[in-house]
Amino acid sequence: MTLSFSTVELRPNAHLVRLDGALNAVTHQGFEKEIQSLLDSGATLIVLDLKSLVFLGSTGIRSLLQTFKTLRARGGDLRTLQVQKPIQDVFDLVQLFPASQAFADKADLQRFLDAAK
């Protein structure tokens, strides 16, 4: 399986990263490189749009956890958007990204961004 992603700036230091495919041992390096470039540019909020993520392996979980810890250490946050049930089940199993903190849709994300202004 492959992974493609695209990044959109939501506001200064806040980015939306759309993932399409599988985040696993084969694909994690490209993801980590993209995230590192966002961190290097000063990102404090990264929102992962997981609508099209179809598989999340243990290496992918490690990549997400590492990103989460790095952002939290900088006073930032890593959030999720449009998480499909099989992926949310994995998050629940490893106690990462509670469903209550995920953005259900883009309107939910926009309300959050508007409130944070």
PDB file of N, CA and C in Angstrom:
ATOM      1  N   MET A   1       0.840  -1.186   0.000  1.00  0.00           N
ATOM      2  CA  MET A   1       0.000   0.000   0.000  1.00  0.00           C
ATOM      3  C   MET A   1       0.878   1.240   0.000  1.00  0.00           C
ATOM      4  N   THR A   2       0.322   2.299  -0.515  1.00  0.00           N
ATOM      5  CA  THR A   2       1.044   3.564  -0.587  1.00  0.00           C
ATOM      6  C   THR A   2       0.365   4.603   0.298  1.00  0.00           C
ATOM      7  N   LEU A   3       1.046   5.724   0.457  1.00  0.00           N
ATOM      8  CA  LEU A   3       0.495   6.851   1.203  1.00  0.00           C
ATOM      9  C   LEU A   3       0.766   8.111   0.407  1.00  0.00           C
ATOM     10  N   SER A   4      -0.271   8.873   0.183  1.00  0.00           N
ATOM     11  CA  SER A   4      -0.083  10.203  -0.382  1.00  0.00           C
ATOM     12  C   SER A   4      -0.661  11.192   0.618  1.00  0.00           C
ATOM     13  N   PHE A   5      -0.129  12.384   0.578  1.00  0.00           N
ATOM     14  CA  PHE A   5      -0.616  13.399   1.505  1.00  0.00           C
ATOM     15  C   PHE A   5      -0.482  14.763   0.871  1.00  0.00           C
ATOM     16  N   SER A   6      -1.311  15.664   1.349  1.00  0.00           N
ATOM     17  CA  SER A   6      -1.235  17.057   0.920  1.00  0.00           C
ATOM     18  C   SER A   6      -1.408  17.920   2.158  1.00  0.00           C
ATOM     19  N   THR A   7      -0.787  19.081   2.114  1.00  0.00           N
ATOM     20  CA  THR A   7      -0.798  19.976   3.263  1.00  0.00           C
ATOM     21  C   THR A   7      -1.356  21.329   2.857  1.00  0.00           C
ATOM     22  N   VAL A   8      -2.224  21.865   3.708  1.00  0.00           N
ATOM     23  CA  VAL A   8      -2.828  23.174   3.494  1.00  0.00           C
ATOM     24  C   VAL A   8      -2.634  23.986   4.769  1.00  0.00           C
ATOM     25  N   GLU A   9      -2.219  25.243   4.616  1.00  0.00           N
ATOM     26  CA  GLU A   9      -2.104  26.116   5.786  1.00  0.00           C
ATOM     27  C   GLU A   9      -3.494  26.627   6.145  1.00  0.00           C
ATOM     28  N   LEU A  10      -3.902  26.408   7.392  1.00  0.00           N
ATOM     29  CA  LEU A  10      -5.201  26.861   7.872  1.00  0.00           C
ATOM     30  C   LEU A  10      -5.132  28.307   8.350  1.00  0.00           C
ATOM     31  N   ARG A  11      -4.046  28.636   8.972  1.00  0.00           N
ATOM     32  CA  ARG A  11      -3.707  29.970   9.469  1.00  0.00           C
ATOM     33  C   ARG A  11      -2.233  29.902   9.814  1.00  0.00           C
ATOM     34  N   PRO A  12      -1.595  31.016  10.158  1.00  0.00           N
ATOM     35  CA  PRO A  12      -0.169  30.922  10.499  1.00  0.00           C
ATOM     36  C   PRO A  12       0.079  29.871  11.589  1.00  0.00           C
ATOM     37  N   ASN A  13       1.028  29.006  11.350  1.00  0.00           N
ATOM     38  CA  ASN A  13       1.447  27.946  12.275  1.00  0.00           C
ATOM     39  C   ASN A  13       0.403  26.858  12.511  1.00  0.00           C
ATOM     40  N   ALA A  14      -0.621  26.803  11.681  1.00  0.00           N
ATOM     41  CA  ALA A  14      -1.640  25.750  11.775  1.00  0.00           C
ATOM     42  C   ALA A  14      -1.831  25.141  10.390  1.00  0.00           C
ATOM     43  N   HIS A  15      -1.753  23.819  10.320  1.00  0.00           N
ATOM     44  CA  HIS A  15      -1.780  23.135   9.028  1.00  0.00           C
ATOM     45  C   HIS A  15      -2.710  21.931   9.067  1.00  0.00           C
ATOM     46  N   LEU A  16      -3.331  21.681   7.922  1.00  0.00           N
ATOM     47  CA  LEU A  16      -4.145  20.495   7.710  1.00  0.00           C
ATOM     48  C   LEU A  16      -3.360  19.568   6.799  1.00  0.00           C
ATOM     49  N   VAL A  17      -3.167  18.327   7.241  1.00  0.00           N
ATOM     50  CA  VAL A  17      -2.458  17.329   6.445  1.00  0.00           C
ATOM     51  C   VAL A  17      -3.449  16.211   6.120  1.00  0.00           C
ATOM     52  N   ARG A  18      -3.744  16.049   4.834  1.00  0.00           N
ATOM     53  CA  ARG A  18      -4.655  14.991   4.387  1.00  0.00           C
ATOM     54  C   ARG A  18      -3.845  13.747   4.041  1.00  0.00           C
ATOM     55  N   LEU A  19      -4.236  12.621   4.633  1.00  0.00           N
ATOM     56  CA  LEU A  19      -3.559  11.349   4.374  1.00  0.00           C
ATOM     57  C   LEU A  19      -4.481  10.449   3.557  1.00  0.00           C
ATOM     58  N   ASP A  20      -3.917   9.802   2.550  1.00  0.00           N
ATOM     59  CA  ASP A  20      -4.683   8.918   1.680  1.00  0.00           C
ATOM     60  C   ASP A  20      -3.883   7.636   1.486  1.00  0.00           C
ATOM     61  N   GLY A  21      -4.397   6.523   2.002  1.00  0.00           N
ATOM     62  CA  GLY A  21      -3.710   5.245   1.853  1.00  0.00           C
ATOM     63  C   GLY A  21      -3.387   4.625   3.189  1.00  0.00           C
ATOM     64  N   ALA A  22      -2.147   4.146   3.321  1.00  0.00           N
ATOM     65  CA  ALA A  22      -1.726   3.424   4.523  1.00  0.00           C
ATOM     66  C   ALA A  22      -0.519   4.111   5.152  1.00  0.00           C
ATOM     67  N   LEU A  23      -0.568   4.269   6.469  1.00  0.00           N
ATOM     68  CA  LEU A  23       0.581   4.781   7.222  1.00  0.00           C
ATOM     69  C   LEU A  23       1.167   3.587   7.963  1.00  0.00           C
ATOM     70  N   ASN A  24       2.306   3.104   7.467  1.00  0.00           N
ATOM     71  CA  ASN A  24       2.879   1.870   7.999  1.00  0.00           C
ATOM     72  C   ASN A  24       4.402   1.908   7.892  1.00  0.00           C
ATOM     73  N   ALA A  25       5.040   0.771   8.051  1.00  0.00           N
ATOM     74  CA  ALA A  25       6.505   0.688   8.024  1.00  0.00           C
ATOM     75  C   ALA A  25       7.084   1.091   6.671  1.00  0.00           C
ATOM     76  N   VAL A  26       6.331   0.916   5.614  1.00  0.00           N
ATOM     77  CA  VAL A  26       6.813   1.255   4.277  1.00  0.00           C
ATOM     78  C   VAL A  26       6.655   2.749   3.988  1.00  0.00           C
ATOM     79  N   THR A  27       5.614   3.369   4.518  1.00  0.00           N
ATOM     80  CA  THR A  27       5.260   4.738   4.125  1.00  0.00           C
ATOM     81  C   THR A  27       5.566   5.813   5.161  1.00  0.00           C
ATOM     82  N   HIS A  28       5.946   5.429   6.359  1.00  0.00           N
ATOM     83  CA  HIS A  28       6.058   6.404   7.450  1.00  0.00           C
ATOM     84  C   HIS A  28       7.128   7.462   7.226  1.00  0.00           C
ATOM     85  N   GLN A  29       8.189   7.138   6.492  1.00  0.00           N
ATOM     86  CA  GLN A  29       9.285   8.100   6.335  1.00  0.00           C
ATOM     87  C   GLN A  29       8.854   9.355   5.585  1.00  0.00           C
ATOM     88  N   GLY A  30       8.057   9.210   4.550  1.00  0.00           N
ATOM     89  CA  GLY A  30       7.559  10.375   3.824  1.00  0.00           C
ATOM     90  C   GLY A  30       6.678  11.240   4.703  1.00  0.00           C
ATOM     91  N   PHE A  31       5.835  10.585   5.498  1.00  0.00           N
ATOM     92  CA  PHE A  31       4.974  11.308   6.434  1.00  0.00           C
ATOM     93  C   PHE A  31       5.819  12.068   7.448  1.00  0.00           C
ATOM     94  N   GLU A  32       6.799  11.396   8.032  1.00  0.00           N
ATOM     95  CA  GLU A  32       7.642  12.035   9.043  1.00  0.00           C
ATOM     96  C   GLU A  32       8.422  13.212   8.463  1.00  0.00           C
ATOM     97  N   LYS A  33       8.865  13.093   7.231  1.00  0.00           N
ATOM     98  CA  LYS A  33       9.592  14.186   6.581  1.00  0.00           C
ATOM     99  C   LYS A  33       8.683  15.402   6.417  1.00  0.00           C
ATOM    100  N   GLU A  34       7.452  15.185   5.984  1.00  0.00           N
ATOM    101  CA  GLU A  34       6.498  16.285   5.827  1.00  0.00           C
ATOM    102  C   GLU A  34       6.194  16.941   7.175  1.00  0.00           C
ATOM    103  N   ILE A  35       5.971  16.129   8.189  1.00  0.00           N
ATOM    104  CA  ILE A  35       5.679  16.670   9.519  1.00  0.00           C
ATOM    105  C   ILE A  35       6.873  17.454  10.043  1.00  0.00           C
ATOM    106  N   GLN A  36       8.074  16.928   9.843  1.00  0.00           N
ATOM    107  CA  GLN A  36       9.269  17.628  10.325  1.00  0.00           C
ATOM    108  C   GLN A  36       9.412  18.988   9.661  1.00  0.00           C
ATOM    109  N   SER A  37       9.083  19.078   8.379  1.00  0.00           N
ATOM    110  CA  SER A  37       9.174  20.384   7.706  1.00  0.00           C
ATOM    111  C   SER A  37       8.162  21.368   8.293  1.00  0.00           C
ATOM    112  N   LEU A  38       6.988  20.885   8.680  1.00  0.00           N
ATOM    113  CA  LEU A  38       6.004  21.749   9.333  1.00  0.00           C
ATOM    114  C   LEU A  38       6.498  22.189  10.705  1.00  0.00           C
ATOM    115  N   LEU A  39       7.067  21.257  11.452  1.00  0.00           N
ATOM    116  CA  LEU A  39       7.607  21.598  12.769  1.00  0.00           C
ATOM    117  C   LEU A  39       8.749  22.601  12.644  1.00  0.00           C
ATOM    118  N   ASP A  40       9.603  22.399  11.662  1.00  0.00           N
ATOM    119  CA  ASP A  40      10.727  23.313  11.447  1.00  0.00           C
ATOM    120  C   ASP A  40      10.254  24.714  11.074  1.00  0.00           C
ATOM    121  N   SER A  41       9.083  24.801  10.452  1.00  0.00           N
ATOM    122  CA  SER A  41       8.550  26.111  10.064  1.00  0.00           C
ATOM    123  C   SER A  41       7.782  26.784  11.200  1.00  0.00           C
ATOM    124  N   GLY A  42       7.699  26.106  12.365  1.00  0.00           N
ATOM    125  CA  GLY A  42       7.061  26.711  13.531  1.00  0.00           C
ATOM    126  C   GLY A  42       5.629  26.292  13.775  1.00  0.00           C
ATOM    127  N   ALA A  43       5.169  25.231  13.135  1.00  0.00           N
ATOM    128  CA  ALA A  43       3.787  24.777  13.326  1.00  0.00           C
ATOM    129  C   ALA A  43       3.515  24.470  14.794  1.00  0.00           C
ATOM    130  N   THR A  44       2.359  24.945  15.266  1.00  0.00           N
ATOM    131  CA  THR A  44       1.930  24.643  16.629  1.00  0.00           C
ATOM    132  C   THR A  44       0.627  23.849  16.650  1.00  0.00           C
ATOM    133  N   LEU A  45      -0.058  23.794  15.515  1.00  0.00           N
ATOM    134  CA  LEU A  45      -1.264  22.981  15.388  1.00  0.00           C
ATOM    135  C   LEU A  45      -1.195  22.241  14.062  1.00  0.00           C
ATOM    136  N   ILE A  46      -1.300  20.926  14.146  1.00  0.00           N
ATOM    137  CA  ILE A  46      -1.397  20.097  12.947  1.00  0.00           C
ATOM    138  C   ILE A  46      -2.669  19.276  13.086  1.00  0.00           C
ATOM    139  N   VAL A  47      -3.515  19.359  12.076  1.00  0.00           N
ATOM    140  CA  VAL A  47      -4.754  18.588  12.032  1.00  0.00           C
ATOM    141  C   VAL A  47      -4.594  17.551  10.926  1.00  0.00           C
ATOM    142  N   LEU A  48      -4.776  16.295  11.276  1.00  0.00           N
ATOM    143  CA  LEU A  48      -4.657  15.201  10.313  1.00  0.00           C
ATOM    144  C   LEU A  48      -6.041  14.817   9.814  1.00  0.00           C
ATOM    145  N   ASP A  49      -6.286  15.010   8.517  1.00  0.00           N
ATOM    146  CA  ASP A  49      -7.534  14.585   7.899  1.00  0.00           C
ATOM    147  C   ASP A  49      -7.361  13.118   7.514  1.00  0.00           C
ATOM    148  N   LEU A  50      -8.063  12.253   8.231  1.00  0.00           N
ATOM    149  CA  LEU A  50      -7.873  10.811   8.074  1.00  0.00           C
ATOM    150  C   LEU A  50      -9.030  10.137   7.342  1.00  0.00           C
ATOM    151  N   LYS A  51      -9.824  10.924   6.641  1.00  0.00           N
ATOM    152  CA  LYS A  51     -10.973  10.367   5.926  1.00  0.00           C
ATOM    153  C   LYS A  51     -10.567   9.252   4.969  1.00  0.00           C
ATOM    154  N   SER A  52      -9.409   9.399   4.327  1.00  0.00           N
ATOM    155  CA  SER A  52      -8.975   8.424   3.322  1.00  0.00           C
ATOM    156  C   SER A  52      -7.828   7.541   3.794  1.00  0.00           C
ATOM    157  N   LEU A  53      -7.549   7.561   5.093  1.00  0.00           N
ATOM    158  CA  LEU A  53      -6.541   6.646   5.632  1.00  0.00           C
ATOM    159  C   LEU A  53      -7.207   5.288   5.819  1.00  0.00           C
ATOM    160  N   VAL A  54      -6.687   4.269   5.143  1.00  0.00           N
ATOM    161  CA  VAL A  54      -7.337   2.958   5.170  1.00  0.00           C
ATOM    162  C   VAL A  54      -6.612   1.945   6.050  1.00  0.00           C
ATOM    163  N   PHE A  55      -5.370   2.242   6.418  1.00  0.00           N
ATOM    164  CA  PHE A  55      -4.617   1.315   7.266  1.00  0.00           C
ATOM    165  C   PHE A  55      -3.637   2.102   8.115  1.00  0.00           C
ATOM    166  N   LEU A  56      -3.518   1.707   9.375  1.00  0.00           N
ATOM    167  CA  LEU A  56      -2.572   2.319  10.299  1.00  0.00           C
ATOM    168  C   LEU A  56      -1.818   1.204  11.008  1.00  0.00           C
ATOM    169  N   GLY A  57      -0.540   1.056  10.679  1.00  0.00           N
ATOM    170  CA  GLY A  57       0.297   0.037  11.292  1.00  0.00           C
ATOM    171  C   GLY A  57       1.003   0.560  12.530  1.00  0.00           C
ATOM    172  N   SER A  58       1.719  -0.319  13.197  1.00  0.00           N
ATOM    173  CA  SER A  58       2.390   0.059  14.445  1.00  0.00           C
ATOM    174  C   SER A  58       3.442   1.145  14.230  1.00  0.00           C
ATOM    175  N   THR A  59       4.131   1.121  13.105  1.00  0.00           N
ATOM    176  CA  THR A  59       5.116   2.167  12.822  1.00  0.00           C
ATOM    177  C   THR A  59       4.415   3.501  12.593  1.00  0.00           C
ATOM    178  N   GLY A  60       3.256   3.467  11.979  1.00  0.00           N
ATOM    179  CA  GLY A  60       2.463   4.679  11.798  1.00  0.00           C
ATOM    180  C   GLY A  60       1.991   5.240  13.123  1.00  0.00           C
ATOM    181  N   ILE A  61       1.576   4.358  14.024  1.00  0.00           N
ATOM    182  CA  ILE A  61       1.173   4.795  15.364  1.00  0.00           C
ATOM    183  C   ILE A  61       2.347   5.476  16.056  1.00  0.00           C
ATOM    184  N   ARG A  62       3.535   4.890  15.933  1.00  0.00           N
ATOM    185  CA  ARG A  62       4.725   5.488  16.542  1.00  0.00           C
ATOM    186  C   ARG A  62       4.989   6.873  15.970  1.00  0.00           C
ATOM    187  N   SER A  63       4.844   7.028  14.665  1.00  0.00           N
ATOM    188  CA  SER A  63       5.046   8.331  14.025  1.00  0.00           C
ATOM    189  C   SER A  63       4.055   9.366  14.551  1.00  0.00           C
ATOM    190  N   LEU A  64       2.804   8.970  14.695  1.00  0.00           N
ATOM    191  CA  LEU A  64       1.789   9.879  15.219  1.00  0.00           C
ATOM    192  C   LEU A  64       2.068  10.245  16.669  1.00  0.00           C
ATOM    193  N   LEU A  65       2.446   9.255  17.463  1.00  0.00           N
ATOM    194  CA  LEU A  65       2.744   9.512  18.871  1.00  0.00           C
ATOM    195  C   LEU A  65       3.939  10.450  19.019  1.00  0.00           C
ATOM    196  N   GLN A  66       4.959  10.240  18.220  1.00  0.00           N
ATOM    197  CA  GLN A  66       6.138  11.101  18.255  1.00  0.00           C
ATOM    198  C   GLN A  66       5.761  12.540  17.882  1.00  0.00           C
ATOM    199  N   THR A  67       4.933  12.700  16.871  1.00  0.00           N
ATOM    200  CA  THR A  67       4.478  14.029  16.459  1.00  0.00           C
ATOM    201  C   THR A  67       3.662  14.681  17.568  1.00  0.00           C
ATOM    202  N   PHE A  68       2.770  13.912  18.169  1.00  0.00           N
ATOM    203  CA  PHE A  68       1.944  14.410  19.269  1.00  0.00           C
ATOM    204  C   PHE A  68       2.820  14.908  20.417  1.00  0.00           C
ATOM    205  N   LYS A  69       3.795  14.111  20.816  1.00  0.00           N
ATOM    206  CA  LYS A  69       4.674  14.489  21.928  1.00  0.00           C
ATOM    207  C   LYS A  69       5.503  15.727  21.600  1.00  0.00           C
ATOM    208  N   THR A  70       6.001  15.807  20.380  1.00  0.00           N
ATOM    209  CA  THR A  70       6.807  16.964  19.978  1.00  0.00           C
ATOM    210  C   THR A  70       5.975  18.239  20.014  1.00  0.00           C
ATOM    211  N   LEU A  71       4.775  18.180  19.462  1.00  0.00           N
ATOM    212  CA  LEU A  71       3.914  19.360  19.469  1.00  0.00           C
ATOM    213  C   LEU A  71       3.522  19.758  20.887  1.00  0.00           C
ATOM    214  N   ARG A  72       3.176  18.802  21.720  1.00  0.00           N
ATOM    215  CA  ARG A  72       2.804  19.109  23.104  1.00  0.00           C
ATOM    216  C   ARG A  72       3.963  19.744  23.864  1.00  0.00           C
ATOM    217  N   ALA A  73       5.174  19.267  23.628  1.00  0.00           N
ATOM    218  CA  ALA A  73       6.351  19.834  24.295  1.00  0.00           C
ATOM    219  C   ALA A  73       6.569  21.292  23.888  1.00  0.00           C
ATOM    220  N   ARG A  74       6.090  21.660  22.719  1.00  0.00           N
ATOM    221  CA  ARG A  74       6.212  23.036  22.223  1.00  0.00           C
ATOM    222  C   ARG A  74       4.978  23.874  22.541  1.00  0.00           C
ATOM    223  N   GLY A  75       4.059  23.312  23.298  1.00  0.00           N
ATOM    224  CA  GLY A  75       2.827  24.026  23.612  1.00  0.00           C
ATOM    225  C   GLY A  75       1.791  23.956  22.505  1.00  0.00           C
ATOM    226  N   GLY A  76       1.971  23.038  21.574  1.00  0.00           N
ATOM    227  CA  GLY A  76       1.057  22.895  20.447  1.00  0.00           C
ATOM    228  C   GLY A  76       0.152  21.688  20.594  1.00  0.00           C
ATOM    229  N   ASP A  77      -0.474  21.306  19.483  1.00  0.00           N
ATOM    230  CA  ASP A  77      -1.419  20.194  19.533  1.00  0.00           C
ATOM    231  C   ASP A  77      -1.487  19.486  18.177  1.00  0.00           C
ATOM    232  N   LEU A  78      -1.779  18.208  18.229  1.00  0.00           N
ATOM    233  CA  LEU A  78      -2.043  17.376  17.061  1.00  0.00           C
ATOM    234  C   LEU A  78      -3.466  16.870  17.203  1.00  0.00           C
ATOM    235  N   ARG A  79      -4.309  17.182  16.216  1.00  0.00           N
ATOM    236  CA  ARG A  79      -5.708  16.781  16.272  1.00  0.00           C
ATOM    237  C   ARG A  79      -6.057  15.988  15.019  1.00  0.00           C
ATOM    238  N   THR A  80      -7.202  15.324  15.063  1.00  0.00           N
ATOM    239  CA  THR A  80      -7.642  14.508  13.937  1.00  0.00           C
ATOM    240  C   THR A  80      -8.979  15.008  13.401  1.00  0.00           C
ATOM    241  N   LEU A  81      -9.217  14.696  12.135  1.00  0.00           N
ATOM    242  CA  LEU A  81     -10.428  15.117  11.431  1.00  0.00           C
ATOM    243  C   LEU A  81     -10.932  13.946  10.602  1.00  0.00           C
ATOM    244  N   GLN A  82     -12.234  13.721  10.645  1.00  0.00           N
ATOM    245  CA  GLN A  82     -12.898  12.725   9.799  1.00  0.00           C
ATOM    246  C   GLN A  82     -12.268  11.335   9.920  1.00  0.00           C
ATOM    247  N   VAL A  83     -12.096  10.889  11.143  1.00  0.00           N
ATOM    248  CA  VAL A  83     -11.482   9.578  11.389  1.00  0.00           C
ATOM    249  C   VAL A  83     -12.512   8.482  11.118  1.00  0.00           C
ATOM    250  N   GLN A  84     -12.138   7.522  10.296  1.00  0.00           N
ATOM    251  CA  GLN A  84     -13.012   6.392  10.006  1.00  0.00           C
ATOM    252  C   GLN A  84     -12.995   5.410  11.184  1.00  0.00           C
ATOM    253  N   LYS A  85     -14.081   4.687  11.369  1.00  0.00           N
ATOM    254  CA  LYS A  85     -14.237   3.823  12.539  1.00  0.00           C
ATOM    255  C   LYS A  85     -13.089   2.826  12.733  1.00  0.00           C
ATOM    256  N   PRO A  86     -12.619   2.123  11.708  1.00  0.00           N
ATOM    257  CA  PRO A  86     -11.519   1.178  11.957  1.00  0.00           C
ATOM    258  C   PRO A  86     -10.254   1.860  12.495  1.00  0.00           C
ATOM    259  N   ILE A  87      -9.976   3.072  12.025  1.00  0.00           N
ATOM    260  CA  ILE A  87      -8.806   3.800  12.514  1.00  0.00           C
ATOM    261  C   ILE A  87      -9.062   4.294  13.931  1.00  0.00           C
ATOM    262  N   GLN A  88     -10.276   4.788  14.206  1.00  0.00           N
ATOM    263  CA  GLN A  88     -10.600   5.231  15.565  1.00  0.00           C
ATOM    264  C   GLN A  88     -10.532   4.063  16.536  1.00  0.00           C
ATOM    265  N   ASP A  89     -10.912   2.878  16.093  1.00  0.00           N
ATOM    266  CA  ASP A  89     -10.799   1.691  16.952  1.00  0.00           C
ATOM    267  C   ASP A  89      -9.345   1.440  17.348  1.00  0.00           C
ATOM    268  N   VAL A  90      -8.421   1.640  16.413  1.00  0.00           N
ATOM    269  CA  VAL A  90      -6.990   1.498  16.727  1.00  0.00           C
ATOM    270  C   VAL A  90      -6.583   2.559  17.738  1.00  0.00           C
ATOM    271  N   PHE A  91      -6.994   3.815  17.507  1.00  0.00           N
ATOM    272  CA  PHE A  91      -6.669   4.886  18.451  1.00  0.00           C
ATOM    273  C   PHE A  91      -7.208   4.573  19.843  1.00  0.00           C
ATOM    274  N   ASP A  92      -8.431   4.067  19.910  1.00  0.00           N
ATOM    275  CA  ASP A  92      -9.018   3.716  21.202  1.00  0.00           C
ATOM    276  C   ASP A  92      -8.220   2.615  21.883  1.00  0.00           C
ATOM    277  N   LEU A  93      -7.782   1.643  21.112  1.00  0.00           N
ATOM    278  CA  LEU A  93      -7.018   0.523  21.658  1.00  0.00           C
ATOM    279  C   LEU A  93      -5.707   0.985  22.287  1.00  0.00           C
ATOM    280  N   VAL A  94      -5.031   1.926  21.636  1.00  0.00           N
ATOM    281  CA  VAL A  94      -3.735   2.397  22.144  1.00  0.00           C
ATOM    282  C   VAL A  94      -3.874   3.685  22.961  1.00  0.00           C
ATOM    283  N   GLN A  95      -5.112   4.095  23.193  1.00  0.00           N
ATOM    284  CA  GLN A  95      -5.426   5.288  23.984  1.00  0.00           C
ATOM    285  C   GLN A  95      -4.735   6.538  23.439  1.00  0.00           C
ATOM    286  N   LEU A  96      -4.912   6.752  22.150  1.00  0.00           N
ATOM    287  CA  LEU A  96      -4.361   7.911  21.458  1.00  0.00           C
ATOM    288  C   LEU A  96      -5.488   8.569  20.669  1.00  0.00           C
ATOM    289  N   PHE A  97      -5.594   9.869  20.715  1.00  0.00           N
ATOM    290  CA  PHE A  97      -6.614  10.637  19.995  1.00  0.00           C
ATOM    291  C   PHE A  97      -8.036  10.171  20.320  1.00  0.00           C
ATOM    292  N   PRO A  98      -8.530  10.504  21.500  1.00  0.00           N
ATOM    293  CA  PRO A  98      -9.906  10.129  21.846  1.00  0.00           C
ATOM    294  C   PRO A  98     -10.907  10.686  20.832  1.00  0.00           C
ATOM    295  N   ALA A  99     -11.930   9.917  20.547  1.00  0.00           N
ATOM    296  CA  ALA A  99     -12.951  10.342  19.582  1.00  0.00           C
ATOM    297  C   ALA A  99     -13.584  11.663  20.001  1.00  0.00           C
ATOM    298  N   SER A 100     -13.669  11.914  21.292  1.00  0.00           N
ATOM    299  CA  SER A 100     -14.279  13.153  21.782  1.00  0.00           C
ATOM    300  C   SER A 100     -13.477  14.391  21.394  1.00  0.00           C
ATOM    301  N   GLN A 101     -12.208  14.219  21.041  1.00  0.00           N
ATOM    302  CA  GLN A 101     -11.371  15.353  20.652  1.00  0.00           C
ATOM    303  C   GLN A 101     -11.169  15.450  19.142  1.00  0.00           C
ATOM    304  N   ALA A 102     -11.754  14.547  18.393  1.00  0.00           N
ATOM    305  CA  ALA A 102     -11.623  14.565  16.931  1.00  0.00           C
ATOM    306  C   ALA A 102     -12.652  15.522  16.337  1.00  0.00           C
ATOM    307  N   PHE A 103     -12.288  16.151  15.237  1.00  0.00           N
ATOM    308  CA  PHE A 103     -13.237  16.976  14.502  1.00  0.00           C
ATOM    309  C   PHE A 103     -14.034  16.054  13.590  1.00  0.00           C
ATOM    310  N   ALA A 104     -15.353  16.093  13.722  1.00  0.00           N
ATOM    311  CA  ALA A 104     -16.205  15.204  12.933  1.00  0.00           C
ATOM    312  C   ALA A 104     -16.174  15.554  11.449  1.00  0.00           C
ATOM    313  N   ASP A 105     -16.100  16.848  11.154  1.00  0.00           N
ATOM    314  CA  ASP A 105     -16.103  17.303   9.766  1.00  0.00           C
ATOM    315  C   ASP A 105     -15.402  18.652   9.675  1.00  0.00           C
ATOM    316  N   LYS A 106     -15.324  19.185   8.461  1.00  0.00           N
ATOM    317  CA  LYS A 106     -14.605  20.445   8.255  1.00  0.00           C
ATOM    318  C   LYS A 106     -15.307  21.622   8.922  1.00  0.00           C
ATOM    319  N   ALA A 107     -16.628  21.565   9.028  1.00  0.00           N
ATOM    320  CA  ALA A 107     -17.362  22.631   9.716  1.00  0.00           C
ATOM    321  C   ALA A 107     -16.995  22.652  11.198  1.00  0.00           C
ATOM    322  N   ASP A 108     -16.845  21.483  11.785  1.00  0.00           N
ATOM    323  CA  ASP A 108     -16.428  21.366  13.188  1.00  0.00           C
ATOM    324  C   ASP A 108     -15.028  21.955  13.377  1.00  0.00           C
ATOM    325  N   LEU A 109     -14.133  21.659  12.460  1.00  0.00           N
ATOM    326  CA  LEU A 109     -12.785  22.223  12.500  1.00  0.00           C
ATOM    327  C   LEU A 109     -12.836  23.739  12.368  1.00  0.00           C
ATOM    328  N   GLN A 110     -13.658  24.250  11.451  1.00  0.00           N
ATOM    329  CA  GLN A 110     -13.743  25.701  11.249  1.00  0.00           C
ATOM    330  C   GLN A 110     -14.263  26.401  12.500  1.00  0.00           C
ATOM    331  N   ARG A 111     -15.235  25.802  13.181  1.00  0.00           N
ATOM    332  CA  ARG A 111     -15.734  26.393  14.433  1.00  0.00           C
ATOM    333  C   ARG A 111     -14.617  26.481  15.465  1.00  0.00           C
ATOM    334  N   PHE A 112     -13.804  25.445  15.541  1.00  0.00           N
ATOM    335  CA  PHE A 112     -12.668  25.441  16.465  1.00  0.00           C
ATOM    336  C   PHE A 112     -11.690  26.561  16.114  1.00  0.00           C
ATOM    337  N   LEU A 113     -11.368  26.695  14.840  1.00  0.00           N
ATOM    338  CA  LEU A 113     -10.429  27.734  14.407  1.00  0.00           C
ATOM    339  C   LEU A 113     -10.990  29.129  14.667  1.00  0.00           C
ATOM    340  N   ASP A 114     -12.284  29.315  14.409  1.00  0.00           N
ATOM    341  CA  ASP A 114     -12.912  30.615  14.655  1.00  0.00           C
ATOM    342  C   ASP A 114     -12.897  30.966  16.139  1.00  0.00           C
ATOM    343  N   ALA A 115     -13.136  29.982  16.990  1.00  0.00           N
ATOM    344  CA  ALA A 115     -13.149  30.224  18.437  1.00  0.00           C
ATOM    345  C   ALA A 115     -11.757  30.515  18.976  1.00  0.00           C
ATOM    346  N   ALA A 116     -10.737  30.023  18.297  1.00  0.00           N
ATOM    347  CA  ALA A 116      -9.360  30.189  18.772  1.00  0.00           C
ATOM    348  C   ALA A 116      -8.745  31.516  18.337  1.00  0.00           C
ATOM    349  N   LYS A 117      -9.462  32.293  17.553  1.00  0.00           N
ATOM    350  CA  LYS A 117      -8.913  33.573  17.070  1.00  0.00           C
ATOM    351  C   LYS A 117      -8.751  34.563  18.190  1.00  0.00           C
TER     352      LYS A 117
END
